[in-house]
Amino acid sequence: MRHIQLFGTTVIIILFFANCSGYEKLNKALANPEKVTKLKIKYGRIGSLPKEIEQLTNLKTLYLFKNKLTTIPEEIGNLKNLETLVISSNNLVELPASICQLTKLKKLSLKHNYIKQLPNEMGNLVNLEELYLEYNGLISLPYSIGNLSNLEMLNISNNNLFKIPNEIGKLYNLRFFVIGKNNLVDLPDEIGNLSSLRELNVAFCGPMVKIPETIRYCKNLEFLYIDKTSILPYSINNVNSRLQVVIKEKGELN
């Protein structure tokens, strides 16, 4: 608050800063934690979450978008009723293993951070339907990812992945799979087990990457996004008559 003297009259100017609103929302929520089921903090620049976040035991939706978060407290694992967790566009380099205790989660977005590895316990999120991991620094995926049997959407594009674990083939309900823009040398044959797959994006997932022959078993596939260096197998003709193969250019978004 600033006071300015103007012709003998004091004018009060109130300045609002974006980084204050984030803390205000947090404090307001923590003042009545049992009543809060949804909390959204965008551009709040809060830097870090207080351990007291665990008091929001009835929270179902938590959005933390562009807040310059560098860490997430272990106590987040106590939000047992959480169904949607969005921590995208922050400065995270790792996740606490406790995040994998949120077994009611249906949507988890971690895109646009600096995460190199995920907790091995990721497979505990058995109710997860959407997982967004794009634009991080991921160098590997945990083998337990195969336990996410309810997953329908998975985006792992724009990372530093050299390999996709064979366990990916256990995601029988996966409908949308975006792999593009990584450093892969091949794709696992187990992709052919993804019988529910509708869209597969492998554009620029690695130079001269061959689509496995097992793609013919993906009978529900409707869109396959590739680049000019992708190698298509002969079996691509046996998928289904609806399949559209789209060649993406270098600058196109996934």
C-alpha atoms as a PDB file:
ATOM      1  CA  MET A   1       0.000   0.000   0.000  1.00  0.00           C
ATOM      2  CA  ARG A   2       1.354   3.441  -0.929  1.00  0.00           C
ATOM      3  CA  HIS A   3       0.290   6.926   0.270  1.00  0.00           C
ATOM      4  CA  ILE A   4       0.558   9.899  -2.101  1.00  0.00           C
ATOM      5  CA  GLN A   5      -0.110  13.497  -1.089  1.00  0.00           C
ATOM      6  CA  LEU A   6      -2.147  15.242  -3.799  1.00  0.00           C
ATOM      7  CA  PHE A   7      -3.401  18.815  -3.286  1.00  0.00           C
ATOM      8  CA  GLY A   8      -3.695  18.360   0.446  1.00  0.00           C
ATOM      9  CA  THR A   9      -5.556  15.080   0.099  1.00  0.00           C
ATOM     10  CA  THR A  10      -4.021  11.714   0.857  1.00  0.00           C
ATOM     11  CA  VAL A  11      -4.675   9.198  -1.926  1.00  0.00           C
ATOM     12  CA  ILE A  12      -4.180   5.552  -1.045  1.00  0.00           C
ATOM     13  CA  ILE A  13      -2.993   3.331  -3.878  1.00  0.00           C
ATOM     14  CA  ILE A  14      -3.185  -0.384  -3.326  1.00  0.00           C
ATOM     15  CA  LEU A  15      -0.774  -2.471  -5.406  1.00  0.00           C
ATOM     16  CA  PHE A  16      -1.551  -6.121  -6.064  1.00  0.00           C
ATOM     17  CA  PHE A  17       1.312  -8.471  -6.854  1.00  0.00           C
ATOM     18  CA  ALA A  18       0.769 -11.787  -8.619  1.00  0.00           C
ATOM     19  CA  ASN A  19       3.043 -13.643  -6.226  1.00  0.00           C
ATOM     20  CA  CYS A  20       0.885 -12.637  -3.271  1.00  0.00           C
ATOM     21  CA  SER A  21      -2.290 -14.233  -4.606  1.00  0.00           C
ATOM     22  CA  GLY A  22      -0.806 -17.722  -4.484  1.00  0.00           C
ATOM     23  CA  TYR A  23      -0.003 -17.495  -0.790  1.00  0.00           C
ATOM     24  CA  GLU A  24      -3.352 -15.900  -0.099  1.00  0.00           C
ATOM     25  CA  LYS A  25      -5.173 -18.797  -1.740  1.00  0.00           C
ATOM     26  CA  LEU A  26      -3.093 -21.278   0.208  1.00  0.00           C
ATOM     27  CA  ASN A  27      -3.683 -19.538   3.511  1.00  0.00           C
ATOM     28  CA  LYS A  28      -7.393 -19.251   2.840  1.00  0.00           C
ATOM     29  CA  ALA A  29      -7.613 -22.954   2.033  1.00  0.00           C
ATOM     30  CA  LEU A  30      -5.635 -23.939   5.125  1.00  0.00           C
ATOM     31  CA  ALA A  31      -7.878 -21.789   7.308  1.00  0.00           C
ATOM     32  CA  ASN A  32     -10.794 -24.177   6.573  1.00  0.00           C
ATOM     33  CA  PRO A  33      -9.054 -27.298   5.254  1.00  0.00           C
ATOM     34  CA  GLU A  34     -11.963 -29.719   5.635  1.00  0.00           C
ATOM     35  CA  LYS A  35     -14.170 -27.611   3.320  1.00  0.00           C
ATOM     36  CA  VAL A  36     -11.724 -27.426   0.405  1.00  0.00           C
ATOM     37  CA  THR A  37     -12.220 -29.899  -2.444  1.00  0.00           C
ATOM     38  CA  LYS A  38     -10.635 -27.868  -5.250  1.00  0.00           C
ATOM     39  CA  LEU A  39      -7.589 -25.578  -5.217  1.00  0.00           C
ATOM     40  CA  LYS A  40      -6.123 -23.785  -8.230  1.00  0.00           C
ATOM     41  CA  ILE A  41      -3.018 -21.624  -8.004  1.00  0.00           C
ATOM     42  CA  LYS A  42      -1.731 -20.253 -11.300  1.00  0.00           C
ATOM     43  CA  TYR A  43       1.158 -17.846 -11.777  1.00  0.00           C
ATOM     44  CA  GLY A  44       1.344 -17.611  -7.992  1.00  0.00           C
ATOM     45  CA  ARG A  45       5.144 -17.939  -7.799  1.00  0.00           C
ATOM     46  CA  ILE A  46       4.870 -19.615  -4.434  1.00  0.00           C
ATOM     47  CA  GLY A  47       8.195 -21.413  -4.865  1.00  0.00           C
ATOM     48  CA  SER A  48       7.349 -24.275  -2.538  1.00  0.00           C
ATOM     49  CA  LEU A  49       4.353 -25.908  -0.903  1.00  0.00           C
ATOM     50  CA  PRO A  50       4.095 -25.910   2.876  1.00  0.00           C
ATOM     51  CA  LYS A  51       3.962 -29.259   4.661  1.00  0.00           C
ATOM     52  CA  GLU A  52       0.567 -28.166   5.970  1.00  0.00           C
ATOM     53  CA  ILE A  53      -0.853 -28.996   2.522  1.00  0.00           C
ATOM     54  CA  GLU A  54      -1.556 -32.432   4.034  1.00  0.00           C
ATOM     55  CA  GLN A  55      -4.399 -30.873   6.025  1.00  0.00           C
ATOM     56  CA  LEU A  56      -6.515 -30.598   2.870  1.00  0.00           C
ATOM     57  CA  THR A  57      -7.716 -34.166   3.273  1.00  0.00           C
ATOM     58  CA  ASN A  58     -10.900 -33.671   1.205  1.00  0.00           C
ATOM     59  CA  LEU A  59      -9.063 -32.156  -1.759  1.00  0.00           C
ATOM     60  CA  LYS A  60      -9.990 -33.755  -5.077  1.00  0.00           C
ATOM     61  CA  THR A  61      -8.443 -31.296  -7.535  1.00  0.00           C
ATOM     62  CA  LEU A  62      -5.108 -29.492  -7.168  1.00  0.00           C
ATOM     63  CA  TYR A  63      -3.743 -27.222  -9.904  1.00  0.00           C
ATOM     64  CA  LEU A  64      -0.278 -25.713  -9.427  1.00  0.00           C
ATOM     65  CA  PHE A  65       0.494 -24.113 -12.782  1.00  0.00           C
ATOM     66  CA  LYS A  66       3.542 -21.866 -13.349  1.00  0.00           C
ATOM     67  CA  ASN A  67       4.453 -21.236  -9.731  1.00  0.00           C
ATOM     68  CA  LYS A  68       8.235 -21.786  -9.994  1.00  0.00           C
ATOM     69  CA  LEU A  69       7.968 -24.775  -7.672  1.00  0.00           C
ATOM     70  CA  THR A  70      11.303 -26.505  -7.117  1.00  0.00           C
ATOM     71  CA  THR A  71      10.154 -29.172  -4.646  1.00  0.00           C
ATOM     72  CA  ILE A  72       7.020 -30.991  -3.590  1.00  0.00           C
ATOM     73  CA  PRO A  73       6.787 -32.012   0.087  1.00  0.00           C
ATOM     74  CA  GLU A  74       6.458 -35.671   1.059  1.00  0.00           C
ATOM     75  CA  GLU A  75       3.236 -34.729   2.828  1.00  0.00           C
ATOM     76  CA  ILE A  76       1.438 -34.485  -0.500  1.00  0.00           C
ATOM     77  CA  GLY A  77       1.053 -38.246  -0.252  1.00  0.00           C
ATOM     78  CA  ASN A  78      -1.513 -37.713   2.509  1.00  0.00           C
ATOM     79  CA  LEU A  79      -4.052 -36.181   0.117  1.00  0.00           C
ATOM     80  CA  LYS A  80      -5.720 -39.555  -0.281  1.00  0.00           C
ATOM     81  CA  ASN A  81      -8.850 -38.218  -2.037  1.00  0.00           C
ATOM     82  CA  LEU A  82      -6.973 -36.405  -4.801  1.00  0.00           C
ATOM     83  CA  GLU A  83      -8.211 -37.286  -8.288  1.00  0.00           C
ATOM     84  CA  THR A  84      -6.583 -34.550 -10.405  1.00  0.00           C
ATOM     85  CA  LEU A  85      -3.067 -33.229  -9.841  1.00  0.00           C
ATOM     86  CA  VAL A  86      -1.546 -30.699 -12.233  1.00  0.00           C
ATOM     87  CA  ILE A  87       1.982 -29.465 -11.425  1.00  0.00           C
ATOM     88  CA  SER A  88       2.923 -28.404 -14.941  1.00  0.00           C
ATOM     89  CA  SER A  89       5.270 -25.585 -15.990  1.00  0.00           C
ATOM     90  CA  ASN A  90       7.340 -25.406 -12.818  1.00  0.00           C
ATOM     91  CA  ASN A  91      11.002 -26.038 -11.933  1.00  0.00           C
ATOM     92  CA  LEU A  92      10.772 -29.552 -10.518  1.00  0.00           C
ATOM     93  CA  VAL A  93      13.744 -31.872 -10.947  1.00  0.00           C
ATOM     94  CA  GLU A  94      12.318 -34.802  -8.991  1.00  0.00           C
ATOM     95  CA  LEU A  95       9.174 -36.077  -7.305  1.00  0.00           C
ATOM     96  CA  PRO A  96       8.706 -37.447  -3.817  1.00  0.00           C
ATOM     97  CA  ALA A  97       7.923 -41.171  -3.785  1.00  0.00           C
ATOM     98  CA  SER A  98       4.905 -40.348  -1.622  1.00  0.00           C
ATOM     99  CA  ILE A  99       3.116 -38.972  -4.676  1.00  0.00           C
ATOM    100  CA  CYS A 100       2.602 -42.601  -5.644  1.00  0.00           C
ATOM    101  CA  GLN A 101       0.376 -43.062  -2.583  1.00  0.00           C
ATOM    102  CA  LEU A 102      -2.355 -41.031  -4.299  1.00  0.00           C
ATOM    103  CA  THR A 103      -4.136 -44.131  -5.522  1.00  0.00           C
ATOM    104  CA  LYS A 104      -7.357 -42.276  -6.413  1.00  0.00           C
ATOM    105  CA  LEU A 105      -5.565 -40.121  -8.975  1.00  0.00           C
ATOM    106  CA  LYS A 106      -7.147 -40.163 -12.435  1.00  0.00           C
ATOM    107  CA  LYS A 107      -5.152 -37.342 -14.015  1.00  0.00           C
ATOM    108  CA  LEU A 108      -1.523 -36.408 -13.381  1.00  0.00           C
ATOM    109  CA  SER A 109       0.232 -33.669 -15.357  1.00  0.00           C
ATOM    110  CA  LEU A 110       3.950 -33.054 -14.832  1.00  0.00           C
ATOM    111  CA  LYS A 111       4.737 -31.533 -18.218  1.00  0.00           C
ATOM    112  CA  HIS A 112       7.185 -28.666 -18.680  1.00  0.00           C
ATOM    113  CA  ASN A 113       9.494 -29.390 -15.742  1.00  0.00           C
ATOM    114  CA  TYR A 114      13.041 -30.759 -15.456  1.00  0.00           C
ATOM    115  CA  ILE A 115      12.325 -34.246 -14.142  1.00  0.00           C
ATOM    116  CA  LYS A 116      14.863 -36.889 -15.201  1.00  0.00           C
ATOM    117  CA  GLN A 117      13.442 -39.930 -13.425  1.00  0.00           C
ATOM    118  CA  LEU A 118      10.106 -40.970 -12.000  1.00  0.00           C
ATOM    119  CA  PRO A 119       9.665 -42.859  -8.728  1.00  0.00           C
ATOM    120  CA  ASN A 120       9.776 -46.640  -9.164  1.00  0.00           C
ATOM    121  CA  GLU A 121       6.433 -46.783  -7.347  1.00  0.00           C
ATOM    122  CA  MET A 122       4.578 -45.016 -10.181  1.00  0.00           C
ATOM    123  CA  GLY A 123       2.786 -48.266 -10.887  1.00  0.00           C
ATOM    124  CA  ASN A 124       0.838 -47.840  -7.644  1.00  0.00           C
ATOM    125  CA  LEU A 125      -1.343 -45.195  -9.315  1.00  0.00           C
ATOM    126  CA  VAL A 126      -3.643 -47.913 -10.588  1.00  0.00           C
ATOM    127  CA  ASN A 127      -6.633 -45.637 -11.240  1.00  0.00           C
ATOM    128  CA  LEU A 128      -4.692 -43.203 -13.412  1.00  0.00           C
ATOM    129  CA  GLU A 129      -6.359 -42.470 -16.757  1.00  0.00           C
ATOM    130  CA  GLU A 130      -4.254 -39.558 -18.028  1.00  0.00           C
ATOM    131  CA  LEU A 131      -0.509 -39.055 -17.612  1.00  0.00           C
ATOM    132  CA  TYR A 132       1.301 -36.081 -19.135  1.00  0.00           C
ATOM    133  CA  LEU A 133       5.113 -36.171 -18.953  1.00  0.00           C
ATOM    134  CA  GLU A 134       6.127 -34.170 -22.009  1.00  0.00           C
ATOM    135  CA  TYR A 135       8.847 -31.513 -21.977  1.00  0.00           C
ATOM    136  CA  ASN A 136      10.953 -32.857 -19.134  1.00  0.00           C
ATOM    137  CA  GLY A 137      14.409 -34.414 -19.076  1.00  0.00           C
ATOM    138  CA  LEU A 138      13.287 -38.020 -18.657  1.00  0.00           C
ATOM    139  CA  ILE A 139      15.995 -40.545 -19.503  1.00  0.00           C
ATOM    140  CA  SER A 140      13.974 -43.635 -18.553  1.00  0.00           C
ATOM    141  CA  LEU A 141      10.548 -44.858 -17.510  1.00  0.00           C
ATOM    142  CA  PRO A 142      10.008 -47.148 -14.521  1.00  0.00           C
ATOM    143  CA  TYR A 143       9.075 -50.742 -15.339  1.00  0.00           C
ATOM    144  CA  SER A 144       6.100 -50.392 -13.018  1.00  0.00           C
ATOM    145  CA  ILE A 145       4.409 -48.199 -15.619  1.00  0.00           C
ATOM    146  CA  GLY A 146       2.916 -51.422 -16.925  1.00  0.00           C
ATOM    147  CA  ASN A 147       0.711 -51.565 -13.823  1.00  0.00           C
ATOM    148  CA  LEU A 148      -1.277 -48.513 -14.946  1.00  0.00           C
ATOM    149  CA  SER A 149      -3.929 -50.706 -16.517  1.00  0.00           C
ATOM    150  CA  ASN A 150      -6.586 -47.947 -16.608  1.00  0.00           C
ATOM    151  CA  LEU A 151      -4.388 -45.480 -18.473  1.00  0.00           C
ATOM    152  CA  GLU A 152      -6.016 -44.068 -21.624  1.00  0.00           C
ATOM    153  CA  MET A 153      -3.728 -41.129 -22.412  1.00  0.00           C
ATOM    154  CA  LEU A 154       0.077 -41.134 -22.159  1.00  0.00           C
ATOM    155  CA  ASN A 155       2.340 -38.371 -23.443  1.00  0.00           C
ATOM    156  CA  ILE A 156       6.102 -38.884 -23.063  1.00  0.00           C
ATOM    157  CA  SER A 157       7.233 -36.663 -25.940  1.00  0.00           C
ATOM    158  CA  ASN A 158      10.045 -34.113 -25.835  1.00  0.00           C
ATOM    159  CA  ASN A 159      12.270 -35.986 -23.391  1.00  0.00           C
ATOM    160  CA  ASN A 160      15.620 -37.793 -23.571  1.00  0.00           C
ATOM    161  CA  LEU A 161      14.340 -41.364 -23.623  1.00  0.00           C
ATOM    162  CA  PHE A 162      16.561 -43.988 -25.258  1.00  0.00           C
ATOM    163  CA  LYS A 163      14.242 -46.898 -24.544  1.00  0.00           C
ATOM    164  CA  ILE A 164      10.636 -47.674 -23.737  1.00  0.00           C
ATOM    165  CA  PRO A 165      10.207 -50.610 -21.343  1.00  0.00           C
ATOM    166  CA  ASN A 166       8.484 -53.713 -22.715  1.00  0.00           C
ATOM    167  CA  GLU A 167       5.970 -53.396 -19.883  1.00  0.00           C
ATOM    168  CA  ILE A 168       4.301 -50.646 -21.903  1.00  0.00           C
ATOM    169  CA  GLY A 169       2.481 -53.457 -23.686  1.00  0.00           C
ATOM    170  CA  LYS A 170       0.379 -54.075 -20.563  1.00  0.00           C
ATOM    171  CA  LEU A 171      -1.511 -50.815 -21.014  1.00  0.00           C
ATOM    172  CA  TYR A 172      -4.448 -52.506 -22.686  1.00  0.00           C
ATOM    173  CA  ASN A 173      -6.779 -49.521 -22.272  1.00  0.00           C
ATOM    174  CA  LEU A 174      -4.356 -46.969 -23.755  1.00  0.00           C
ATOM    175  CA  ARG A 175      -6.039 -44.974 -26.518  1.00  0.00           C
ATOM    176  CA  PHE A 176      -3.665 -42.066 -27.126  1.00  0.00           C
ATOM    177  CA  PHE A 177       0.102 -42.536 -27.024  1.00  0.00           C
ATOM    178  CA  VAL A 178       2.495 -39.680 -27.871  1.00  0.00           C
ATOM    179  CA  ILE A 179       6.158 -40.735 -28.032  1.00  0.00           C
ATOM    180  CA  GLY A 180       7.583 -38.195 -30.474  1.00  0.00           C
ATOM    181  CA  LYS A 181      10.776 -36.160 -30.057  1.00  0.00           C
ATOM    182  CA  ASN A 182      13.023 -38.459 -28.037  1.00  0.00           C
ATOM    183  CA  ASN A 183      16.250 -40.389 -28.659  1.00  0.00           C
ATOM    184  CA  LEU A 184      14.894 -43.889 -29.215  1.00  0.00           C
ATOM    185  CA  VAL A 185      16.699 -46.456 -31.315  1.00  0.00           C
ATOM    186  CA  ASP A 186      13.692 -48.748 -31.628  1.00  0.00           C
ATOM    187  CA  LEU A 187      10.166 -49.379 -30.399  1.00  0.00           C
ATOM    188  CA  PRO A 188       9.220 -52.479 -28.399  1.00  0.00           C
ATOM    189  CA  ASP A 189       7.246 -55.220 -30.128  1.00  0.00           C
ATOM    190  CA  GLU A 190       4.856 -55.065 -27.180  1.00  0.00           C
ATOM    191  CA  ILE A 191       3.246 -51.995 -28.742  1.00  0.00           C
ATOM    192  CA  GLY A 192       1.264 -54.537 -30.693  1.00  0.00           C
ATOM    193  CA  ASN A 193      -0.522 -55.469 -27.454  1.00  0.00           C
ATOM    194  CA  LEU A 194      -2.142 -52.034 -27.243  1.00  0.00           C
ATOM    195  CA  SER A 195      -5.413 -53.211 -28.702  1.00  0.00           C
ATOM    196  CA  SER A 196      -7.357 -50.093 -27.655  1.00  0.00           C
ATOM    197  CA  LEU A 197      -4.936 -47.666 -29.293  1.00  0.00           C
ATOM    198  CA  ARG A 198      -6.583 -44.974 -31.462  1.00  0.00           C
ATOM    199  CA  GLU A 199      -3.681 -42.556 -32.009  1.00  0.00           C
ATOM    200  CA  LEU A 200       0.047 -43.238 -31.988  1.00  0.00           C
ATOM    201  CA  ASN A 201       2.560 -40.419 -32.477  1.00  0.00           C
ATOM    202  CA  VAL A 202       6.163 -41.515 -33.067  1.00  0.00           C
ATOM    203  CA  ALA A 203       7.265 -38.508 -35.131  1.00  0.00           C
ATOM    204  CA  PHE A 204      10.928 -37.688 -34.379  1.00  0.00           C
ATOM    205  CA  CYS A 205      11.080 -40.232 -31.546  1.00  0.00           C
ATOM    206  CA  GLY A 206      14.532 -41.132 -32.902  1.00  0.00           C
ATOM    207  CA  PRO A 207      16.353 -41.330 -36.258  1.00  0.00           C
ATOM    208  CA  MET A 208      15.369 -44.172 -38.574  1.00  0.00           C
ATOM    209  CA  VAL A 209      13.118 -45.817 -35.989  1.00  0.00           C
ATOM    210  CA  LYS A 210      11.202 -48.790 -37.354  1.00  0.00           C
ATOM    211  CA  ILE A 211       7.565 -49.317 -36.443  1.00  0.00           C
ATOM    212  CA  PRO A 212       7.371 -52.940 -35.226  1.00  0.00           C
ATOM    213  CA  GLU A 213       5.599 -55.559 -37.363  1.00  0.00           C
ATOM    214  CA  THR A 214       3.285 -56.158 -34.411  1.00  0.00           C
ATOM    215  CA  ILE A 215       1.501 -52.901 -35.240  1.00  0.00           C
ATOM    216  CA  ARG A 216      -0.865 -55.068 -37.268  1.00  0.00           C
ATOM    217  CA  TYR A 217      -2.514 -56.163 -34.035  1.00  0.00           C
ATOM    218  CA  CYS A 218      -3.569 -52.596 -33.191  1.00  0.00           C
ATOM    219  CA  LYS A 219      -6.890 -53.029 -34.986  1.00  0.00           C
ATOM    220  CA  ASN A 220      -8.445 -49.869 -33.535  1.00  0.00           C
ATOM    221  CA  LEU A 221      -5.609 -47.566 -34.644  1.00  0.00           C
ATOM    222  CA  GLU A 222      -6.941 -44.612 -36.646  1.00  0.00           C
ATOM    223  CA  PHE A 223      -4.019 -42.162 -36.745  1.00  0.00           C
ATOM    224  CA  LEU A 224      -0.297 -42.895 -36.946  1.00  0.00           C
ATOM    225  CA  TYR A 225       1.991 -39.840 -36.889  1.00  0.00           C
ATOM    226  CA  ILE A 226       5.503 -40.394 -38.244  1.00  0.00           C
ATOM    227  CA  ASP A 227       8.376 -38.371 -39.756  1.00  0.00           C
ATOM    228  CA  LYS A 228      10.211 -38.816 -43.025  1.00  0.00           C
ATOM    229  CA  THR A 229      12.858 -41.069 -41.466  1.00  0.00           C
ATOM    230  CA  SER A 230      10.371 -43.460 -39.829  1.00  0.00           C
ATOM    231  CA  ILE A 231      10.419 -46.981 -41.266  1.00  0.00           C
ATOM    232  CA  LEU A 232       7.014 -48.519 -41.814  1.00  0.00           C
ATOM    233  CA  PRO A 233       6.640 -52.320 -41.804  1.00  0.00           C
ATOM    234  CA  TYR A 234       4.738 -54.167 -44.498  1.00  0.00           C
ATOM    235  CA  SER A 235       2.180 -55.165 -41.891  1.00  0.00           C
ATOM    236  CA  ILE A 236       0.955 -51.561 -41.720  1.00  0.00           C
ATOM    237  CA  ASN A 237      -1.384 -52.524 -44.571  1.00  0.00           C
ATOM    238  CA  ASN A 238      -3.064 -55.099 -42.336  1.00  0.00           C
ATOM    239  CA  VAL A 239      -4.094 -52.811 -39.481  1.00  0.00           C
ATOM    240  CA  ASN A 240      -7.492 -51.592 -40.701  1.00  0.00           C
ATOM    241  CA  SER A 241      -9.013 -49.596 -43.571  1.00  0.00           C
ATOM    242  CA  ARG A 242      -9.545 -46.504 -41.377  1.00  0.00           C
ATOM    243  CA  LEU A 243      -5.878 -45.958 -40.544  1.00  0.00           C
ATOM    244  CA  GLN A 244      -4.390 -42.630 -41.640  1.00  0.00           C
ATOM    245  CA  VAL A 245      -0.614 -42.290 -41.689  1.00  0.00           C
ATOM    246  CA  VAL A 246       0.385 -38.638 -41.272  1.00  0.00           C
ATOM    247  CA  ILE A 247       3.942 -37.434 -41.947  1.00  0.00           C
ATOM    248  CA  LYS A 248       4.899 -34.558 -39.668  1.00  0.00           C
ATOM    249  CA  GLU A 249       7.440 -31.871 -40.469  1.00  0.00           C
ATOM    250  CA  LYS A 250      10.259 -30.894 -38.129  1.00  0.00           C
ATOM    251  CA  GLY A 251       8.719 -27.751 -36.681  1.00  0.00           C
ATOM    252  CA  GLU A 252       5.237 -29.149 -36.100  1.00  0.00           C
ATOM    253  CA  LEU A 253       3.928 -29.571 -32.580  1.00  0.00           C
ATOM    254  CA  ASN A 254       2.961 -32.992 -31.268  1.00  0.00           C
END
